Amino acid sequence: MATSETNERIQRLVAGDRLIALYGIQVEEASESLARVSAVVTEDFLQVHGLAHGAFIFALIDVAFALTVNARLDAVAVQWSVSQFRSGQLGETLTAECRLLHGGRRMMVVDLVVTGAEGRVIAKGQATAIPVGEAASPSRG
């Protein structure tokens, strides 16, 4: 369960991330072990073939990632591996979920998944972050 200090930290992360507002991203859930965000594919996010741009899909993943790995302490990404199987359609809500697999003192590893309508998998991957700051609470995982 997230502490009130962690909750406050997450609120500051959301408020300070301009991409969240720019892309119309909704934060559905955020904690030090899981973040879930979503956004609607609008015309602004379509690529030349009329599908959701890969950058839009990655932006959703990146926001979920940032909320998860920074929930307790400052951390930065050092590695991404994402496979995109499908794309989103105009008007479709895409949801990105980031789940912490390993939250060590020197390295954090997360699982990433983006789903579309009816839970169809759009993209999956993993990412690694390294902690670069102090913990938000005295207990370290």
N, C-alpha and C. Protein backbone atom coordinates (compact mmCIF):
# COMPACT_ATOMS: atom_id res chain seq x y z
N MET A 1 0.84 -1.18 0.00
CA MET A 1 0.00 0.00 0.00
C MET A 1 0.88 1.24 0.00
N ALA A 2 0.56 2.18 -0.82
CA ALA A 2 1.35 3.39 -0.92
C ALA A 2 1.15 4.27 0.30
N THR A 3 2.23 4.89 0.74
CA THR A 3 2.15 5.81 1.87
C THR A 3 1.60 7.15 1.38
N SER A 4 1.19 8.00 2.33
CA SER A 4 0.70 9.32 1.93
C SER A 4 1.81 10.12 1.28
N GLU A 5 3.05 9.92 1.72
CA GLU A 5 4.19 10.61 1.11
C GLU A 5 4.37 10.17 -0.35
N THR A 6 4.20 8.87 -0.60
CA THR A 6 4.28 8.37 -1.97
C THR A 6 3.14 8.91 -2.81
N ASN A 7 1.93 8.96 -2.24
CA ASN A 7 0.78 9.51 -2.96
C ASN A 7 1.01 10.97 -3.32
N GLU A 8 1.56 11.75 -2.39
CA GLU A 8 1.86 13.15 -2.66
C GLU A 8 2.91 13.28 -3.77
N ARG A 9 3.90 12.40 -3.73
CA ARG A 9 4.95 12.40 -4.74
C ARG A 9 4.34 12.11 -6.13
N ILE A 10 3.46 11.14 -6.20
CA ILE A 10 2.80 10.80 -7.46
C ILE A 10 1.97 11.98 -7.95
N GLN A 11 1.27 12.65 -7.07
CA GLN A 11 0.48 13.82 -7.46
C GLN A 11 1.37 14.91 -8.04
N ARG A 12 2.56 15.11 -7.44
CA ARG A 12 3.51 16.09 -7.98
C ARG A 12 4.03 15.66 -9.34
N LEU A 13 4.28 14.37 -9.52
CA LEU A 13 4.73 13.86 -10.82
C LEU A 13 3.69 14.13 -11.90
N VAL A 14 2.44 13.84 -11.59
CA VAL A 14 1.35 14.05 -12.56
C VAL A 14 1.22 15.54 -12.88
N ALA A 15 1.23 16.37 -11.85
CA ALA A 15 1.08 17.81 -12.06
C ALA A 15 2.24 18.40 -12.86
N GLY A 16 3.43 17.85 -12.70
CA GLY A 16 4.61 18.39 -13.37
C GLY A 16 4.89 17.82 -14.74
N ASP A 17 4.16 16.82 -15.17
CA ASP A 17 4.41 16.18 -16.46
C ASP A 17 3.51 16.80 -17.52
N ARG A 18 4.06 17.68 -18.33
CA ARG A 18 3.28 18.42 -19.33
C ARG A 18 2.73 17.51 -20.43
N LEU A 19 3.38 16.39 -20.68
CA LEU A 19 2.91 15.46 -21.71
C LEU A 19 1.54 14.89 -21.36
N ILE A 20 1.28 14.71 -20.08
CA ILE A 20 -0.01 14.18 -19.63
C ILE A 20 -1.15 15.07 -20.12
N ALA A 21 -1.01 16.37 -19.91
CA ALA A 21 -2.05 17.31 -20.37
C ALA A 21 -2.06 17.42 -21.89
N LEU A 22 -0.89 17.50 -22.51
CA LEU A 22 -0.78 17.66 -23.96
C LEU A 22 -1.47 16.52 -24.71
N TYR A 23 -1.32 15.29 -24.21
CA TYR A 23 -1.88 14.11 -24.87
C TYR A 23 -3.25 13.73 -24.32
N GLY A 24 -3.74 14.46 -23.32
CA GLY A 24 -5.04 14.13 -22.74
C GLY A 24 -5.02 12.81 -22.00
N ILE A 25 -3.91 12.50 -21.38
CA ILE A 25 -3.74 11.22 -20.69
C ILE A 25 -4.45 11.25 -19.34
N GLN A 26 -5.21 10.21 -19.07
CA GLN A 26 -5.90 10.04 -17.79
C GLN A 26 -5.10 9.05 -16.95
N VAL A 27 -4.79 9.42 -15.72
CA VAL A 27 -4.10 8.52 -14.80
C VAL A 27 -5.17 7.75 -14.06
N GLU A 28 -5.29 6.47 -14.35
CA GLU A 28 -6.31 5.64 -13.73
C GLU A 28 -5.87 5.07 -12.39
N GLU A 29 -4.57 4.75 -12.31
CA GLU A 29 -4.02 4.18 -11.09
C GLU A 29 -2.53 4.43 -11.09
N ALA A 30 -1.97 4.73 -9.94
CA ALA A 30 -0.52 4.93 -9.85
C ALA A 30 -0.04 4.60 -8.45
N SER A 31 0.99 3.77 -8.38
CA SER A 31 1.62 3.41 -7.12
C SER A 31 3.05 3.01 -7.44
N GLU A 32 3.79 2.61 -6.41
CA GLU A 32 5.18 2.21 -6.64
C GLU A 32 5.29 0.82 -7.27
N SER A 33 4.18 0.12 -7.45
CA SER A 33 4.24 -1.19 -8.09
C SER A 33 3.45 -1.27 -9.39
N LEU A 34 2.57 -0.30 -9.65
CA LEU A 34 1.73 -0.37 -10.84
C LEU A 34 1.22 1.02 -11.22
N ALA A 35 1.23 1.30 -12.51
CA ALA A 35 0.58 2.51 -13.01
C ALA A 35 -0.22 2.13 -14.24
N ARG A 36 -1.41 2.73 -14.35
CA ARG A 36 -2.28 2.50 -15.51
C ARG A 36 -2.77 3.86 -15.99
N VAL A 37 -2.52 4.14 -17.27
CA VAL A 37 -2.94 5.41 -17.86
C VAL A 37 -3.65 5.12 -19.18
N SER A 38 -4.47 6.08 -19.62
CA SER A 38 -5.17 5.88 -20.88
C SER A 38 -5.37 7.21 -21.59
N ALA A 39 -5.61 7.12 -22.90
CA ALA A 39 -5.89 8.30 -23.70
C ALA A 39 -6.63 7.86 -24.95
N VAL A 40 -7.40 8.78 -25.49
CA VAL A 40 -8.17 8.53 -26.71
C VAL A 40 -7.32 8.92 -27.93
N VAL A 41 -7.35 8.07 -28.94
CA VAL A 41 -6.66 8.38 -30.20
C VAL A 41 -7.49 9.43 -30.94
N THR A 42 -6.94 10.63 -31.05
CA THR A 42 -7.60 11.70 -31.79
C THR A 42 -6.87 11.90 -33.12
N GLU A 43 -7.42 12.75 -33.96
CA GLU A 43 -6.79 13.01 -35.26
C GLU A 43 -5.37 13.53 -35.11
N ASP A 44 -5.09 14.25 -34.03
CA ASP A 44 -3.75 14.77 -33.79
C ASP A 44 -2.71 13.67 -33.61
N PHE A 45 -3.15 12.47 -33.27
CA PHE A 45 -2.22 11.37 -32.98
C PHE A 45 -2.18 10.31 -34.07
N LEU A 46 -2.71 10.61 -35.24
CA LEU A 46 -2.70 9.65 -36.35
C LEU A 46 -1.46 9.83 -37.21
N GLN A 47 -0.94 8.71 -37.70
CA GLN A 47 0.17 8.76 -38.64
C GLN A 47 -0.39 8.73 -40.06
N VAL A 48 0.45 8.65 -41.05
CA VAL A 48 0.07 8.78 -42.46
C VAL A 48 -0.96 7.73 -42.91
N HIS A 49 -1.00 6.57 -42.26
CA HIS A 49 -1.93 5.51 -42.64
C HIS A 49 -3.25 5.60 -41.88
N GLY A 50 -3.44 6.66 -41.09
CA GLY A 50 -4.68 6.84 -40.36
C GLY A 50 -4.79 6.02 -39.09
N LEU A 51 -3.66 5.53 -38.59
CA LEU A 51 -3.62 4.73 -37.36
C LEU A 51 -2.89 5.52 -36.27
N ALA A 52 -3.06 5.10 -35.03
CA ALA A 52 -2.37 5.77 -33.92
C ALA A 52 -0.87 5.72 -34.16
N HIS A 53 -0.24 6.86 -34.04
CA HIS A 53 1.21 6.97 -34.24
C HIS A 53 1.94 6.17 -33.17
N GLY A 54 3.05 5.55 -33.55
CA GLY A 54 3.86 4.82 -32.58
C GLY A 54 4.35 5.71 -31.45
N ALA A 55 4.60 6.96 -31.75
CA ALA A 55 5.04 7.90 -30.72
C ALA A 55 3.96 8.13 -29.67
N PHE A 56 2.70 8.11 -30.09
CA PHE A 56 1.58 8.24 -29.16
C PHE A 56 1.53 7.02 -28.24
N ILE A 57 1.68 5.85 -28.82
CA ILE A 57 1.66 4.62 -28.03
C ILE A 57 2.83 4.60 -27.05
N PHE A 58 4.01 5.00 -27.53
CA PHE A 58 5.17 5.04 -26.65
C PHE A 58 4.99 6.08 -25.55
N ALA A 59 4.37 7.21 -25.87
CA ALA A 59 4.13 8.24 -24.85
C ALA A 59 3.30 7.69 -23.70
N LEU A 60 2.27 6.89 -24.02
CA LEU A 60 1.46 6.27 -22.97
C LEU A 60 2.31 5.36 -22.10
N ILE A 61 3.13 4.54 -22.75
CA ILE A 61 4.02 3.63 -22.01
C ILE A 61 4.97 4.42 -21.12
N ASP A 62 5.55 5.47 -21.68
CA ASP A 62 6.53 6.26 -20.95
C ASP A 62 5.93 6.93 -19.72
N VAL A 63 4.71 7.44 -19.84
CA VAL A 63 4.06 8.08 -18.69
C VAL A 63 3.79 7.04 -17.60
N ALA A 64 3.26 5.88 -17.97
CA ALA A 64 3.01 4.82 -16.97
C ALA A 64 4.33 4.40 -16.32
N PHE A 65 5.36 4.25 -17.12
CA PHE A 65 6.70 3.90 -16.62
C PHE A 65 7.19 4.94 -15.62
N ALA A 66 7.12 6.21 -16.00
CA ALA A 66 7.63 7.29 -15.15
C ALA A 66 6.90 7.34 -13.81
N LEU A 67 5.60 7.14 -13.84
CA LEU A 67 4.83 7.17 -12.59
C LEU A 67 5.24 6.02 -11.67
N THR A 68 5.46 4.85 -12.24
CA THR A 68 5.83 3.68 -11.44
C THR A 68 7.23 3.82 -10.85
N VAL A 69 8.23 4.07 -11.70
CA VAL A 69 9.61 4.06 -11.20
C VAL A 69 9.96 5.27 -10.36
N ASN A 70 9.20 6.36 -10.51
CA ASN A 70 9.47 7.56 -9.72
C ASN A 70 8.54 7.72 -8.52
N ALA A 71 7.69 6.74 -8.27
CA ALA A 71 6.72 6.84 -7.18
C ALA A 71 7.38 6.92 -5.81
N ARG A 72 8.51 6.27 -5.67
CA ARG A 72 9.17 6.22 -4.37
C ARG A 72 10.47 7.01 -4.35
N LEU A 73 11.15 7.09 -5.48
CA LEU A 73 12.43 7.79 -5.57
C LEU A 73 12.67 8.21 -7.01
N ASP A 74 13.60 9.12 -7.20
CA ASP A 74 13.93 9.56 -8.56
C ASP A 74 14.66 8.44 -9.29
N ALA A 75 14.21 8.17 -10.52
CA ALA A 75 14.82 7.13 -11.34
C ALA A 75 14.74 7.55 -12.80
N VAL A 76 15.67 7.04 -13.60
CA VAL A 76 15.68 7.34 -15.03
C VAL A 76 15.79 6.05 -15.84
N ALA A 77 15.21 6.09 -17.03
CA ALA A 77 15.25 4.93 -17.92
C ALA A 77 16.65 4.76 -18.51
N VAL A 78 17.08 3.52 -18.61
CA VAL A 78 18.37 3.22 -19.26
C VAL A 78 18.21 2.20 -20.37
N GLN A 79 17.04 1.56 -20.46
CA GLN A 79 16.84 0.55 -21.49
C GLN A 79 15.35 0.36 -21.72
N TRP A 80 14.97 0.25 -22.99
CA TRP A 80 13.59 -0.04 -23.39
C TRP A 80 13.61 -1.17 -24.40
N SER A 81 12.61 -2.01 -24.34
CA SER A 81 12.38 -3.02 -25.37
C SER A 81 10.87 -3.16 -25.52
N VAL A 82 10.34 -2.65 -26.62
CA VAL A 82 8.90 -2.64 -26.83
C VAL A 82 8.59 -3.18 -28.22
N SER A 83 7.67 -4.10 -28.30
CA SER A 83 7.18 -4.60 -29.58
C SER A 83 5.75 -4.15 -29.75
N GLN A 84 5.46 -3.58 -30.91
CA GLN A 84 4.10 -3.13 -31.21
C GLN A 84 3.50 -4.09 -32.24
N PHE A 85 2.38 -4.71 -31.88
CA PHE A 85 1.74 -5.72 -32.72
C PHE A 85 0.63 -5.15 -33.59
N ARG A 86 -0.03 -4.13 -33.06
CA ARG A 86 -1.17 -3.52 -33.74
C ARG A 86 -1.09 -2.02 -33.49
N SER A 87 -2.07 -1.31 -33.99
CA SER A 87 -2.16 0.11 -33.70
C SER A 87 -3.57 0.44 -33.26
N GLY A 88 -3.73 1.62 -32.72
CA GLY A 88 -5.05 2.07 -32.31
C GLY A 88 -5.77 2.78 -33.44
N GLN A 89 -7.07 2.81 -33.34
CA GLN A 89 -7.92 3.45 -34.34
C GLN A 89 -8.40 4.80 -33.82
N LEU A 90 -8.77 5.66 -34.72
CA LEU A 90 -9.34 6.96 -34.37
C LEU A 90 -10.53 6.76 -33.43
N GLY A 91 -10.52 7.46 -32.31
CA GLY A 91 -11.60 7.37 -31.33
C GLY A 91 -11.44 6.27 -30.30
N GLU A 92 -10.49 5.39 -30.49
CA GLU A 92 -10.28 4.27 -29.56
C GLU A 92 -9.49 4.74 -28.34
N THR A 93 -9.85 4.22 -27.17
CA THR A 93 -9.09 4.49 -25.96
C THR A 93 -8.02 3.42 -25.81
N LEU A 94 -6.78 3.86 -25.69
CA LEU A 94 -5.66 2.95 -25.45
C LEU A 94 -5.24 3.08 -23.99
N THR A 95 -4.91 1.95 -23.38
CA THR A 95 -4.51 1.92 -21.98
C THR A 95 -3.13 1.31 -21.86
N ALA A 96 -2.24 2.01 -21.17
CA ALA A 96 -0.88 1.50 -20.92
C ALA A 96 -0.76 1.16 -19.44
N GLU A 97 -0.16 0.01 -19.19
CA GLU A 97 0.04 -0.44 -17.82
C GLU A 97 1.51 -0.76 -17.63
N CYS A 98 2.06 -0.31 -16.52
CA CYS A 98 3.44 -0.59 -16.15
C CYS A 98 3.42 -1.27 -14.79
N ARG A 99 4.01 -2.45 -14.73
CA ARG A 99 4.04 -3.23 -13.49
C ARG A 99 5.50 -3.47 -13.08
N LEU A 100 5.83 -3.12 -11.85
CA LEU A 100 7.18 -3.31 -11.34
C LEU A 100 7.46 -4.80 -11.15
N LEU A 101 8.52 -5.29 -11.79
CA LEU A 101 8.94 -6.68 -11.63
C LEU A 101 10.05 -6.81 -10.59
N HIS A 102 10.95 -5.82 -10.59
CA HIS A 102 12.08 -5.82 -9.65
C HIS A 102 12.36 -4.39 -9.24
N GLY A 103 12.35 -4.12 -7.96
CA GLY A 103 12.58 -2.78 -7.45
C GLY A 103 13.77 -2.71 -6.54
N GLY A 104 14.93 -3.06 -7.06
CA GLY A 104 16.14 -3.06 -6.25
C GLY A 104 16.72 -1.68 -6.03
N ARG A 105 17.79 -1.63 -5.24
CA ARG A 105 18.44 -0.35 -4.94
C ARG A 105 19.22 0.19 -6.13
N ARG A 106 19.68 -0.68 -7.01
CA ARG A 106 20.50 -0.25 -8.15
C ARG A 106 19.82 -0.36 -9.49
N MET A 107 18.73 -1.12 -9.54
CA MET A 107 18.06 -1.33 -10.82
C MET A 107 16.59 -1.64 -10.58
N MET A 108 15.77 -1.14 -11.49
CA MET A 108 14.34 -1.42 -11.46
C MET A 108 13.96 -1.96 -12.83
N VAL A 109 13.18 -3.02 -12.85
CA VAL A 109 12.73 -3.62 -14.11
C VAL A 109 11.21 -3.65 -14.09
N VAL A 110 10.61 -3.23 -15.21
CA VAL A 110 9.16 -3.19 -15.29
C VAL A 110 8.67 -3.94 -16.53
N ASP A 111 7.44 -4.40 -16.43
CA ASP A 111 6.72 -5.02 -17.54
C ASP A 111 5.75 -3.98 -18.08
N LEU A 112 5.62 -3.88 -19.40
CA LEU A 112 4.79 -2.87 -20.04
C LEU A 112 3.79 -3.54 -20.96
N VAL A 113 2.56 -3.04 -20.98
CA VAL A 113 1.57 -3.54 -21.93
C VAL A 113 0.61 -2.41 -22.28
N VAL A 114 0.27 -2.34 -23.55
CA VAL A 114 -0.74 -1.39 -24.03
C VAL A 114 -1.87 -2.21 -24.62
N THR A 115 -3.09 -1.89 -24.21
CA THR A 115 -4.26 -2.58 -24.74
C THR A 115 -5.21 -1.56 -25.36
N GLY A 116 -6.01 -2.07 -26.27
CA GLY A 116 -7.02 -1.25 -26.92
C GLY A 116 -8.40 -1.76 -26.58
N ALA A 117 -9.34 -1.50 -27.48
CA ALA A 117 -10.73 -1.92 -27.28
C ALA A 117 -10.80 -3.42 -27.03
N GLU A 118 -11.67 -3.78 -26.13
CA GLU A 118 -11.93 -5.19 -25.79
C GLU A 118 -10.68 -5.92 -25.31
N GLY A 119 -9.71 -5.17 -24.78
CA GLY A 119 -8.51 -5.76 -24.21
C GLY A 119 -7.50 -6.30 -25.20
N ARG A 120 -7.65 -5.98 -26.48
CA ARG A 120 -6.68 -6.51 -27.45
C ARG A 120 -5.31 -5.87 -27.21
N VAL A 121 -4.28 -6.69 -27.25
CA VAL A 121 -2.92 -6.23 -26.96
C VAL A 121 -2.39 -5.46 -28.17
N ILE A 122 -1.96 -4.25 -27.91
CA ILE A 122 -1.38 -3.37 -28.93
C ILE A 122 0.15 -3.50 -28.91
N ALA A 123 0.73 -3.46 -27.71
CA ALA A 123 2.19 -3.50 -27.56
C ALA A 123 2.54 -4.12 -26.21
N LYS A 124 3.74 -4.72 -26.15
CA LYS A 124 4.26 -5.29 -24.91
C LYS A 124 5.75 -5.02 -24.85
N GLY A 125 6.27 -4.96 -23.64
CA GLY A 125 7.71 -4.78 -23.51
C GLY A 125 8.17 -4.77 -22.08
N GLN A 126 9.44 -4.46 -21.93
CA GLN A 126 10.07 -4.30 -20.63
C GLN A 126 10.97 -3.08 -20.69
N ALA A 127 11.22 -2.51 -19.54
CA ALA A 127 12.15 -1.39 -19.46
C ALA A 127 12.93 -1.49 -18.15
N THR A 128 14.08 -0.85 -18.14
CA THR A 128 14.94 -0.83 -16.96
C THR A 128 15.21 0.61 -16.59
N ALA A 129 15.19 0.88 -15.30
CA ALA A 129 15.51 2.21 -14.77
C ALA A 129 16.57 2.06 -13.70
N ILE A 130 17.31 3.13 -13.50
CA ILE A 130 18.24 3.15 -12.38
C ILE A 130 17.83 4.28 -11.44
N PRO A 131 17.81 3.99 -10.15
CA PRO A 131 17.50 5.02 -9.16
C PRO A 131 18.62 6.06 -9.14
N VAL A 132 18.22 7.34 -9.07
CA VAL A 132 19.21 8.42 -9.03
C VAL A 132 18.95 9.38 -7.88
N GLY A 133 17.97 9.05 -7.02
CA GLY A 133 17.63 9.96 -5.94
C GLY A 133 17.31 9.23 -4.66
N GLU A 134 16.94 10.00 -3.69
CA GLU A 134 16.59 9.46 -2.38
C GLU A 134 15.16 8.96 -2.35
N ALA A 135 14.91 7.99 -1.52
CA ALA A 135 13.56 7.42 -1.37
C ALA A 135 12.62 8.44 -0.76
N ALA A 136 11.34 8.31 -1.12
CA ALA A 136 10.31 9.20 -0.57
C ALA A 136 9.95 8.82 0.85
N SER A 137 10.21 7.58 1.23
CA SER A 137 9.95 7.13 2.58
C SER A 137 11.16 6.39 3.09
N PRO A 138 11.30 6.22 4.41
CA PRO A 138 12.49 5.59 4.95
C PRO A 138 12.65 4.13 4.55
N SER A 139 11.58 3.43 4.23
CA SER A 139 11.70 2.01 3.88
C SER A 139 12.09 1.87 2.42
N ARG A 140 13.09 1.06 2.16
CA ARG A 140 13.55 0.81 0.79
C ARG A 140 13.23 -0.63 0.43
N GLY A 141 12.80 -0.83 -0.85
CA GLY A 141 12.42 -2.16 -1.33
C GLY A 141 13.51 -2.94 -1.92
